[in-house]
Amino acid sequence: MTKKETVIDEIKEMPDQIVEEILDFVQFLKAKSMNEKLKITMASEPSLRKDWLKPEEDKAWQNL
C-alpha cells in the first residue's frame, strides 16, 4: 500500500469535522507550493530576459 493510499484510508475513518480541517491543510500546502514556484519564476525572469530580447531569439521563434 502506498503512503497516499494509507492517508486516504485514514481520512475515511475520520469524522467530517476533522476531514474539513484536513482539506483546509491540503489546500494550504497546495497554495504554498504554487506561491513558491511563482517566486522562483519571478526571480529568474530578469536573467532570462537578457536572452529573450536577443535578435537571434526573435528569428528563431518567428515561424511559430
PDB file of N, CA and C in Angstrom:
ATOM      1  N   MET A   1       0.847  -1.179   0.000  1.00  0.00           N
ATOM      2  CA  MET A   1       0.000   0.000   0.000  1.00  0.00           C
ATOM      3  C   MET A   1       0.893   1.243   0.000  1.00  0.00           C
ATOM      4  N   THR A   2       0.567   2.205  -0.857  1.00  0.00           N
ATOM      5  CA  THR A   2       1.354   3.436  -0.926  1.00  0.00           C
ATOM      6  C   THR A   2       0.989   4.359   0.233  1.00  0.00           C
ATOM      7  N   LYS A   3       1.828   5.340   0.442  1.00  0.00           N
ATOM      8  CA  LYS A   3       1.546   6.321   1.504  1.00  0.00           C
ATOM      9  C   LYS A   3       0.259   7.080   1.209  1.00  0.00           C
ATOM     10  N   LYS A   4       0.047   7.385  -0.061  1.00  0.00           N
ATOM     11  CA  LYS A   4      -1.173   8.104  -0.447  1.00  0.00           C
ATOM     12  C   LYS A   4      -2.410   7.266  -0.116  1.00  0.00           C
ATOM     13  N   GLU A   5      -2.348   5.987  -0.412  1.00  0.00           N
ATOM     14  CA  GLU A   5      -3.468   5.102  -0.097  1.00  0.00           C
ATOM     15  C   GLU A   5      -3.679   4.997   1.418  1.00  0.00           C
ATOM     16  N   THR A   6      -2.584   4.959   2.161  1.00  0.00           N
ATOM     17  CA  THR A   6      -2.678   4.901   3.617  1.00  0.00           C
ATOM     18  C   THR A   6      -3.344   6.159   4.170  1.00  0.00           C
ATOM     19  N   VAL A   7      -2.958   7.318   3.653  1.00  0.00           N
ATOM     20  CA  VAL A   7      -3.572   8.581   4.089  1.00  0.00           C
ATOM     21  C   VAL A   7      -5.065   8.579   3.767  1.00  0.00           C
ATOM     22  N   ILE A   8      -5.409   8.137   2.567  1.00  0.00           N
ATOM     23  CA  ILE A   8      -6.822   8.098   2.174  1.00  0.00           C
ATOM     24  C   ILE A   8      -7.606   7.184   3.098  1.00  0.00           C
ATOM     25  N   ASP A   9      -7.056   6.025   3.400  1.00  0.00           N
ATOM     26  CA  ASP A   9      -7.738   5.095   4.316  1.00  0.00           C
ATOM     27  C   ASP A   9      -7.924   5.714   5.704  1.00  0.00           C
ATOM     28  N   GLU A  10      -6.901   6.418   6.181  1.00  0.00           N
ATOM     29  CA  GLU A  10      -7.009   7.078   7.492  1.00  0.00           C
ATOM     30  C   GLU A  10      -8.080   8.165   7.470  1.00  0.00           C
ATOM     31  N   ILE A  11      -8.133   8.933   6.390  1.00  0.00           N
ATOM     32  CA  ILE A  11      -9.113  10.018   6.277  1.00  0.00           C
ATOM     33  C   ILE A  11     -10.531   9.459   6.260  1.00  0.00           C
ATOM     34  N   LYS A  12     -10.710   8.313   5.605  1.00  0.00           N
ATOM     35  CA  LYS A  12     -12.044   7.701   5.539  1.00  0.00           C
ATOM     36  C   LYS A  12     -12.602   7.389   6.927  1.00  0.00           C
ATOM     37  N   GLU A  13     -11.728   7.192   7.888  1.00  0.00           N
ATOM     38  CA  GLU A  13     -12.165   6.845   9.240  1.00  0.00           C
ATOM     39  C   GLU A  13     -12.399   8.073  10.129  1.00  0.00           C
ATOM     40  N   MET A  14     -12.081   9.245   9.649  1.00  0.00           N
ATOM     41  CA  MET A  14     -12.198  10.465  10.444  1.00  0.00           C
ATOM     42  C   MET A  14     -13.606  11.052  10.356  1.00  0.00           C
ATOM     43  N   PRO A  15     -14.034  11.741  11.426  1.00  0.00           N
ATOM     44  CA  PRO A  15     -15.326  12.458  11.362  1.00  0.00           C
ATOM     45  C   PRO A  15     -15.224  13.645  10.390  1.00  0.00           C
ATOM     46  N   ASP A  16     -16.366  14.063   9.875  1.00  0.00           N
ATOM     47  CA  ASP A  16     -16.402  15.122   8.861  1.00  0.00           C
ATOM     48  C   ASP A  16     -15.693  16.402   9.298  1.00  0.00           C
ATOM     49  N   GLN A  17     -15.808  16.760  10.559  1.00  0.00           N
ATOM     50  CA  GLN A  17     -15.175  17.986  11.040  1.00  0.00           C
ATOM     51  C   GLN A  17     -13.654  17.907  10.870  1.00  0.00           C
ATOM     52  N   ILE A  18     -13.081  16.762  11.167  1.00  0.00           N
ATOM     53  CA  ILE A  18     -11.633  16.589  11.003  1.00  0.00           C
ATOM     54  C   ILE A  18     -11.273  16.573   9.523  1.00  0.00           C
ATOM     55  N   VAL A  19     -12.117  15.964   8.706  1.00  0.00           N
ATOM     56  CA  VAL A  19     -11.869  15.926   7.265  1.00  0.00           C
ATOM     57  C   VAL A  19     -11.840  17.341   6.699  1.00  0.00           C
ATOM     58  N   GLU A  20     -12.702  18.222   7.196  1.00  0.00           N
ATOM     59  CA  GLU A  20     -12.698  19.623   6.762  1.00  0.00           C
ATOM     60  C   GLU A  20     -11.364  20.288   7.105  1.00  0.00           C
ATOM     61  N   GLU A  21     -10.835  20.015   8.276  1.00  0.00           N
ATOM     62  CA  GLU A  21      -9.538  20.568   8.669  1.00  0.00           C
ATOM     63  C   GLU A  21      -8.422  20.018   7.797  1.00  0.00           C
ATOM     64  N   ILE A  22      -8.504  18.736   7.481  1.00  0.00           N
ATOM     65  CA  ILE A  22      -7.502  18.113   6.606  1.00  0.00           C
ATOM     66  C   ILE A  22      -7.550  18.760   5.228  1.00  0.00           C
ATOM     67  N   LEU A  23      -8.752  18.973   4.716  1.00  0.00           N
ATOM     68  CA  LEU A  23      -8.920  19.617   3.415  1.00  0.00           C
ATOM     69  C   LEU A  23      -8.328  21.028   3.426  1.00  0.00           C
ATOM     70  N   ASP A  24      -8.604  21.789   4.477  1.00  0.00           N
ATOM     71  CA  ASP A  24      -8.030  23.129   4.596  1.00  0.00           C
ATOM     72  C   ASP A  24      -6.502  23.071   4.562  1.00  0.00           C
ATOM     73  N   PHE A  25      -5.932  22.116   5.272  1.00  0.00           N
ATOM     74  CA  PHE A  25      -4.479  21.988   5.329  1.00  0.00           C
ATOM     75  C   PHE A  25      -3.908  21.589   3.965  1.00  0.00           C
ATOM     76  N   VAL A  26      -4.559  20.662   3.288  1.00  0.00           N
ATOM     77  CA  VAL A  26      -4.105  20.242   1.957  1.00  0.00           C
ATOM     78  C   VAL A  26      -4.161  21.421   0.987  1.00  0.00           C
ATOM     79  N   GLN A  27      -5.223  22.197   1.036  1.00  0.00           N
ATOM     80  CA  GLN A  27      -5.342  23.367   0.160  1.00  0.00           C
ATOM     81  C   GLN A  27      -4.280  24.413   0.500  1.00  0.00           C
ATOM     82  N   PHE A  28      -3.968  24.575   1.782  1.00  0.00           N
ATOM     83  CA  PHE A  28      -2.902  25.476   2.197  1.00  0.00           C
ATOM     84  C   PHE A  28      -1.563  25.027   1.615  1.00  0.00           C
ATOM     85  N   LEU A  29      -1.259  23.742   1.727  1.00  0.00           N
ATOM     86  CA  LEU A  29       0.005  23.218   1.194  1.00  0.00           C
ATOM     87  C   LEU A  29       0.092  23.398  -0.319  1.00  0.00           C
ATOM     88  N   LYS A  30      -1.016  23.192  -1.000  1.00  0.00           N
ATOM     89  CA  LYS A  30      -1.054  23.359  -2.456  1.00  0.00           C
ATOM     90  C   LYS A  30      -0.792  24.822  -2.838  1.00  0.00           C
ATOM     91  N   ALA A  31      -1.444  25.745  -2.146  1.00  0.00           N
ATOM     92  CA  ALA A  31      -1.248  27.179  -2.412  1.00  0.00           C
ATOM     93  C   ALA A  31       0.185  27.596  -2.092  1.00  0.00           C
ATOM     94  N   LYS A  32       0.737  27.080  -1.007  1.00  0.00           N
ATOM     95  CA  LYS A  32       2.114  27.392  -0.626  1.00  0.00           C
ATOM     96  C   LYS A  32       3.085  26.931  -1.702  1.00  0.00           C
ATOM     97  N   SER A  33       2.867  25.742  -2.223  1.00  0.00           N
ATOM     98  CA  SER A  33       3.725  25.208  -3.279  1.00  0.00           C
ATOM     99  C   SER A  33       3.646  26.066  -4.543  1.00  0.00           C
ATOM    100  N   MET A  34       2.429  26.457  -4.909  1.00  0.00           N
ATOM    101  CA  MET A  34       2.250  27.293  -6.097  1.00  0.00           C
ATOM    102  C   MET A  34       2.913  28.648  -5.902  1.00  0.00           C
ATOM    103  N   ASN A  35       2.825  29.212  -4.701  1.00  0.00           N
ATOM    104  CA  ASN A  35       3.432  30.501  -4.392  1.00  0.00           C
ATOM    105  C   ASN A  35       4.955  30.417  -4.501  1.00  0.00           C
ATOM    106  N   GLU A  36       5.536  29.329  -4.003  1.00  0.00           N
ATOM    107  CA  GLU A  36       6.982  29.154  -4.085  1.00  0.00           C
ATOM    108  C   GLU A  36       7.436  29.036  -5.537  1.00  0.00           C
ATOM    109  N   LYS A  37       6.670  28.313  -6.365  1.00  0.00           N
ATOM    110  CA  LYS A  37       7.005  28.184  -7.788  1.00  0.00           C
ATOM    111  C   LYS A  37       6.929  29.546  -8.475  1.00  0.00           C
ATOM    112  N   LEU A  38       5.921  30.343  -8.112  1.00  0.00           N
ATOM    113  CA  LEU A  38       5.779  31.673  -8.694  1.00  0.00           C
ATOM    114  C   LEU A  38       6.960  32.559  -8.312  1.00  0.00           C
ATOM    115  N   LYS A  39       7.389  32.482  -7.054  1.00  0.00           N
ATOM    116  CA  LYS A  39       8.539  33.279  -6.610  1.00  0.00           C
ATOM    117  C   LYS A  39       9.800  32.907  -7.389  1.00  0.00           C
ATOM    118  N   ILE A  40      10.009  31.626  -7.613  1.00  0.00           N
ATOM    119  CA  ILE A  40      11.179  31.166  -8.366  1.00  0.00           C
ATOM    120  C   ILE A  40      11.100  31.670  -9.802  1.00  0.00           C
ATOM    121  N   THR A  41       9.917  31.589 -10.392  1.00  0.00           N
ATOM    122  CA  THR A  41       9.730  32.056 -11.762  1.00  0.00           C
ATOM    123  C   THR A  41      10.010  33.555 -11.865  1.00  0.00           C
ATOM    124  N   MET A  42       9.471  34.311 -10.927  1.00  0.00           N
ATOM    125  CA  MET A  42       9.671  35.758 -10.951  1.00  0.00           C
ATOM    126  C   MET A  42      11.137  36.126 -10.710  1.00  0.00           C
ATOM    127  N   ALA A  43      11.826  35.372  -9.865  1.00  0.00           N
ATOM    128  CA  ALA A  43      13.232  35.656  -9.581  1.00  0.00           C
ATOM    129  C   ALA A  43      14.119  35.366 -10.787  1.00  0.00           C
ATOM    130  N   SER A  44      13.752  34.377 -11.588  1.00  0.00           N
ATOM    131  CA  SER A  44      14.594  34.011 -12.729  1.00  0.00           C
ATOM    132  C   SER A  44      14.305  34.857 -13.962  1.00  0.00           C
ATOM    133  N   GLU A  45      13.176  35.532 -14.004  1.00  0.00           N
ATOM    134  CA  GLU A  45      12.781  36.298 -15.191  1.00  0.00           C
ATOM    135  C   GLU A  45      13.808  37.339 -15.617  1.00  0.00           C
ATOM    136  N   PRO A  46      14.379  38.157 -14.734  1.00  0.00           N
ATOM    137  CA  PRO A  46      15.336  39.170 -15.194  1.00  0.00           C
ATOM    138  C   PRO A  46      16.572  38.579 -15.883  1.00  0.00           C
ATOM    139  N   SER A  47      17.062  37.465 -15.381  1.00  0.00           N
ATOM    140  CA  SER A  47      18.243  36.870 -16.006  1.00  0.00           C
ATOM    141  C   SER A  47      17.886  36.220 -17.344  1.00  0.00           C
ATOM    142  N   LEU A  48      16.700  35.662 -17.445  1.00  0.00           N
ATOM    143  CA  LEU A  48      16.288  35.048 -18.710  1.00  0.00           C
ATOM    144  C   LEU A  48      15.912  36.098 -19.754  1.00  0.00           C
ATOM    145  N   ARG A  49      15.448  37.257 -19.287  1.00  0.00           N
ATOM    146  CA  ARG A  49      15.039  38.323 -20.199  1.00  0.00           C
ATOM    147  C   ARG A  49      16.176  38.715 -21.144  1.00  0.00           C
ATOM    148  N   LYS A  50      17.417  38.675 -20.643  1.00  0.00           N
ATOM    149  CA  LYS A  50      18.563  39.040 -21.483  1.00  0.00           C
ATOM    150  C   LYS A  50      18.608  38.187 -22.747  1.00  0.00           C
ATOM    151  N   ASP A  51      18.348  36.886 -22.589  1.00  0.00           N
ATOM    152  CA  ASP A  51      18.356  36.001 -23.752  1.00  0.00           C
ATOM    153  C   ASP A  51      17.108  36.173 -24.603  1.00  0.00           C
ATOM    154  N   TRP A  52      15.960  36.398 -23.962  1.00  0.00           N
ATOM    155  CA  TRP A  52      14.719  36.519 -24.709  1.00  0.00           C
ATOM    156  C   TRP A  52      14.727  37.716 -25.649  1.00  0.00           C
ATOM    157  N   LEU A  53      15.442  38.765 -25.287  1.00  0.00           N
ATOM    158  CA  LEU A  53      15.399  40.004 -26.070  1.00  0.00           C
ATOM    159  C   LEU A  53      16.468  40.073 -27.151  1.00  0.00           C
ATOM    160  N   LYS A  54      17.189  39.002 -27.379  1.00  0.00           N
ATOM    161  CA  LYS A  54      18.216  38.987 -28.423  1.00  0.00           C
ATOM    162  C   LYS A  54      17.559  38.822 -29.792  1.00  0.00           C
ATOM    163  N   PRO A  55      18.105  39.502 -30.821  1.00  0.00           N
ATOM    164  CA  PRO A  55      17.545  39.377 -32.175  1.00  0.00           C
ATOM    165  C   PRO A  55      17.517  37.931 -32.674  1.00  0.00           C
ATOM    166  N   GLU A  56      18.531  37.145 -32.334  1.00  0.00           N
ATOM    167  CA  GLU A  56      18.542  35.755 -32.798  1.00  0.00           C
ATOM    168  C   GLU A  56      17.402  34.935 -32.180  1.00  0.00           C
ATOM    169  N   GLU A  57      16.945  35.326 -30.997  1.00  0.00           N
ATOM    170  CA  GLU A  57      15.790  34.657 -30.398  1.00  0.00           C
ATOM    171  C   GLU A  57      14.527  34.980 -31.191  1.00  0.00           C
ATOM    172  N   ASP A  58      14.379  36.252 -31.567  1.00  0.00           N
ATOM    173  CA  ASP A  58      13.219  36.628 -32.382  1.00  0.00           C
ATOM    174  C   ASP A  58      13.209  35.844 -33.686  1.00  0.00           C
ATOM    175  N   LYS A  59      14.366  35.715 -34.289  1.00  0.00           N
ATOM    176  CA  LYS A  59      14.469  34.984 -35.559  1.00  0.00           C
ATOM    177  C   LYS A  59      14.133  33.510 -35.355  1.00  0.00           C
ATOM    178  N   ALA A  60      14.597  32.925 -34.274  1.00  0.00           N
ATOM    179  CA  ALA A  60      14.341  31.507 -34.018  1.00  0.00           C
ATOM    180  C   ALA A  60      12.861  31.205 -33.793  1.00  0.00           C
ATOM    181  N   TRP A  61      12.122  32.171 -33.265  1.00  0.00           N
ATOM    182  CA  TRP A  61      10.714  31.938 -32.935  1.00  0.00           C
ATOM    183  C   TRP A  61       9.739  32.515 -33.953  1.00  0.00           C
ATOM    184  N   GLN A  62      10.214  33.151 -35.011  1.00  0.00           N
ATOM    185  CA  GLN A  62       9.323  33.850 -35.913  1.00  0.00           C
ATOM    186  C   GLN A  62       8.401  32.926 -36.706  1.00  0.00           C
ATOM    187  N   ASN A  63       8.736  31.672 -36.882  1.00  0.00           N
ATOM    188  CA  ASN A  63       7.889  30.756 -37.650  1.00  0.00           C
ATOM    189  C   ASN A  63       6.862  30.017 -36.814  1.00  0.00           C
ATOM    190  N   LEU A  64       6.823  30.280 -35.542  1.00  0.00           N
ATOM    191  CA  LEU A  64       5.871  29.563 -34.680  1.00  0.00           C
ATOM    192  C   LEU A  64       4.568  30.294 -34.524  1.00  0.00           C
TER     193      LEU A  64
END
